[in-house]
C-alpha cells in the first residue's frame, strides 16, 4: 500500500516537505517551495523530487539514507500529531487573492 505525508516549513505559508512511499517500498521526497517564491524566483511550483529505492526490490544503493528517511517520516507523523499545522486557511486565502487579482487584469 502506498502512503504520503507532508509537513509545512516554518518560514512560509505554503512551502512544505512531502514524502511518498510507493507499494514497492521506494521513498520519494519532494521539497515544494512557497507559491510566492515560485513566482519571484521562477521555481517550479511542484518542487524538486528525489527517489530512493528499497533494497528489497533491488536497485537500492542507499540503505542508510533510506533508513534515515523512514525516521524522518516517523518524526513528521509525530510532529503532525503533537503540533498540527492548520495552513489550509493560508493556502485558500492566497489562492483567493491570486484569482481576485487575475480577474482585475
C-alpha atoms as a PDB file:
ATOM      1  CA  UNK A   1       0.000   0.000   0.000  1.00  0.00           C
ATOM      2  CA  UNK A   2       1.360   3.440  -0.875  1.00  0.00           C
ATOM      3  CA  UNK A   3       1.186   6.360   1.550  1.00  0.00           C
ATOM      4  CA  UNK A   4       2.034  10.061   1.682  1.00  0.00           C
ATOM      5  CA  UNK A   5       2.831  12.573   4.396  1.00  0.00           C
ATOM      6  CA  UNK A   6       3.757  16.250   4.459  1.00  0.00           C
ATOM      7  CA  UNK A   7       4.876  18.985   6.824  1.00  0.00           C
ATOM      8  CA  UNK A   8       4.784  22.713   6.149  1.00  0.00           C
ATOM      9  CA  UNK A   9       8.010  24.632   6.572  1.00  0.00           C
ATOM     10  CA  UNK A  10       8.458  27.253   9.278  1.00  0.00           C
ATOM     11  CA  UNK A  11       9.202  30.283   7.096  1.00  0.00           C
ATOM     12  CA  UNK A  12       6.336  30.464   4.595  1.00  0.00           C
ATOM     13  CA  UNK A  13       2.625  29.684   4.472  1.00  0.00           C
ATOM     14  CA  UNK A  14       2.712  27.142   1.648  1.00  0.00           C
ATOM     15  CA  UNK A  15       6.227  25.689   1.351  1.00  0.00           C
ATOM     16  CA  UNK A  16       6.393  22.101   2.542  1.00  0.00           C
ATOM     17  CA  UNK A  17       8.221  18.808   2.581  1.00  0.00           C
ATOM     18  CA  UNK A  18       6.269  15.889   1.163  1.00  0.00           C
ATOM     19  CA  UNK A  19       7.164  12.212   1.262  1.00  0.00           C
ATOM     20  CA  UNK A  20       5.559   9.353  -0.616  1.00  0.00           C
ATOM     21  CA  UNK A  21       6.221   5.674  -0.099  1.00  0.00           C
ATOM     22  CA  UNK A  22       5.350   3.520  -3.091  1.00  0.00           C
ATOM     23  CA  UNK A  23       4.000  -0.005  -2.866  1.00  0.00           C
ATOM     24  CA  UNK A  24       7.445  -1.442  -3.618  1.00  0.00           C
ATOM     25  CA  UNK A  25       8.945   0.478  -0.675  1.00  0.00           C
ATOM     26  CA  UNK A  26      10.654   3.209  -2.679  1.00  0.00           C
ATOM     27  CA  UNK A  27      10.540   6.617  -0.968  1.00  0.00           C
ATOM     28  CA  UNK A  28      10.104   9.860  -2.894  1.00  0.00           C
ATOM     29  CA  UNK A  29      10.964  13.115  -1.123  1.00  0.00           C
ATOM     30  CA  UNK A  30       9.692  16.428  -2.502  1.00  0.00           C
ATOM     31  CA  UNK A  31      10.658  19.909  -1.360  1.00  0.00           C
ATOM     32  CA  UNK A  32       7.878  22.228  -2.522  1.00  0.00           C
ATOM     33  CA  UNK A  33       8.631  25.957  -2.334  1.00  0.00           C
ATOM     34  CA  UNK A  34       6.196  28.635  -1.257  1.00  0.00           C
ATOM     35  CA  UNK A  35       3.978  29.847  -4.098  1.00  0.00           C
ATOM     36  CA  UNK A  36       5.307  33.410  -3.775  1.00  0.00           C
ATOM     37  CA  UNK A  37       8.885  32.146  -4.014  1.00  0.00           C
ATOM     38  CA  UNK A  38       7.935  30.281  -7.181  1.00  0.00           C
ATOM     39  CA  UNK A  39       6.652  33.484  -8.755  1.00  0.00           C
ATOM     40  CA  UNK A  40       9.677  35.578  -7.768  1.00  0.00           C
ATOM     41  CA  UNK A  41      12.378  33.026  -8.454  1.00  0.00           C
ATOM     42  CA  UNK A  42      10.831  31.237 -11.406  1.00  0.00           C
ATOM     43  CA  UNK A  43      10.908  27.992  -9.456  1.00  0.00           C
ATOM     44  CA  UNK A  44       8.773  25.010 -10.446  1.00  0.00           C
ATOM     45  CA  UNK A  45       5.553  25.049  -8.359  1.00  0.00           C
ATOM     46  CA  UNK A  46       5.667  21.281  -7.929  1.00  0.00           C
ATOM     47  CA  UNK A  47       9.087  21.419  -6.271  1.00  0.00           C
ATOM     48  CA  UNK A  48      12.047  19.138  -6.570  1.00  0.00           C
ATOM     49  CA  UNK A  49      11.760  15.388  -6.043  1.00  0.00           C
ATOM     50  CA  UNK A  50      14.282  12.634  -5.383  1.00  0.00           C
ATOM     51  CA  UNK A  51      13.641   8.885  -5.097  1.00  0.00           C
ATOM     52  CA  UNK A  52      15.415   6.285  -3.007  1.00  0.00           C
ATOM     53  CA  UNK A  53      14.750   2.662  -3.891  1.00  0.00           C
ATOM     54  CA  UNK A  54      14.205  -0.097  -1.379  1.00  0.00           C
ATOM     55  CA  UNK A  55      16.886  -2.719  -1.093  1.00  0.00           C
ATOM     56  CA  UNK A  56      14.240  -5.455  -1.134  1.00  0.00           C
ATOM     57  CA  UNK A  57      13.102  -4.880  -4.725  1.00  0.00           C
ATOM     58  CA  UNK A  58      16.595  -4.206  -5.963  1.00  0.00           C
ATOM     59  CA  UNK A  59      18.333  -1.071  -7.026  1.00  0.00           C
ATOM     60  CA  UNK A  60      18.574   0.421  -3.548  1.00  0.00           C
ATOM     61  CA  UNK A  61      22.031   1.958  -3.305  1.00  0.00           C
ATOM     62  CA  UNK A  62      21.471   3.990  -0.134  1.00  0.00           C
ATOM     63  CA  UNK A  63      20.172   1.761   2.683  1.00  0.00           C
ATOM     64  CA  UNK A  64      21.334   4.130   5.445  1.00  0.00           C
ATOM     65  CA  UNK A  65      19.763   7.135   3.719  1.00  0.00           C
ATOM     66  CA  UNK A  66      16.518   5.228   3.238  1.00  0.00           C
ATOM     67  CA  UNK A  67      16.541   4.235   6.907  1.00  0.00           C
ATOM     68  CA  UNK A  68      17.033   7.912   7.865  1.00  0.00           C
ATOM     69  CA  UNK A  69      14.133   8.891   5.604  1.00  0.00           C
ATOM     70  CA  UNK A  70      11.906   6.376   7.386  1.00  0.00           C
ATOM     71  CA  UNK A  71      12.921   8.008  10.678  1.00  0.00           C
ATOM     72  CA  UNK A  72      12.117  11.422   9.147  1.00  0.00           C
ATOM     73  CA  UNK A  73       8.694  10.052   8.145  1.00  0.00           C
ATOM     74  CA  UNK A  74       8.091   8.973  11.753  1.00  0.00           C
ATOM     75  CA  UNK A  75       9.217  12.397  13.010  1.00  0.00           C
ATOM     76  CA  UNK A  76       6.789  14.163  10.651  1.00  0.00           C
ATOM     77  CA  UNK A  77       3.982  11.864  11.829  1.00  0.00           C
ATOM     78  CA  UNK A  78       4.825  12.722  15.422  1.00  0.00           C
ATOM     79  CA  UNK A  79       5.048  16.467  14.733  1.00  0.00           C
ATOM     80  CA  UNK A  80       1.734  16.360  12.859  1.00  0.00           C
ATOM     81  CA  UNK A  81       0.100  14.539  15.777  1.00  0.00           C
ATOM     82  CA  UNK A  82       1.592  16.719  18.531  1.00  0.00           C
ATOM     83  CA  UNK A  83       1.618  20.063  16.722  1.00  0.00           C
ATOM     84  CA  UNK A  84      -0.831  20.089  13.798  1.00  0.00           C
ATOM     85  CA  UNK A  85      -0.396  22.850  11.241  1.00  0.00           C
ATOM     86  CA  UNK A  86      -3.611  24.456  10.075  1.00  0.00           C
ATOM     87  CA  UNK A  87      -2.246  26.032   6.927  1.00  0.00           C
ATOM     88  CA  UNK A  88      -5.217  25.330   4.680  1.00  0.00           C
ATOM     89  CA  UNK A  89      -6.615  28.752   5.540  1.00  0.00           C
ATOM     90  CA  UNK A  90      -3.421  30.445   4.343  1.00  0.00           C
ATOM     91  CA  UNK A  91      -3.377  28.390   1.161  1.00  0.00           C
ATOM     92  CA  UNK A  92      -7.033  29.159   0.388  1.00  0.00           C
ATOM     93  CA  UNK A  93      -6.575  32.858   1.159  1.00  0.00           C
ATOM     94  CA  UNK A  94      -3.559  33.106  -1.143  1.00  0.00           C
ATOM     95  CA  UNK A  95      -5.441  31.234  -3.892  1.00  0.00           C
ATOM     96  CA  UNK A  96      -8.421  33.582  -3.480  1.00  0.00           C
ATOM     97  CA  UNK A  97      -6.181  36.677  -3.589  1.00  0.00           C
ATOM     98  CA  UNK A  98      -4.321  35.413  -6.673  1.00  0.00           C
ATOM     99  CA  UNK A  99      -7.554  34.707  -8.532  1.00  0.00           C
ATOM    100  CA  UNK A 100      -9.135  38.017  -7.487  1.00  0.00           C
ATOM    101  CA  UNK A 101      -6.079  39.883  -8.800  1.00  0.00           C
ATOM    102  CA  UNK A 102      -6.229  37.956 -12.082  1.00  0.00           C
ATOM    103  CA  UNK A 103      -9.881  38.902 -12.591  1.00  0.00           C
ATOM    104  CA  UNK A 104      -8.994  42.586 -12.211  1.00  0.00           C
ATOM    105  CA  UNK A 105      -6.455  42.402 -15.036  1.00  0.00           C
END
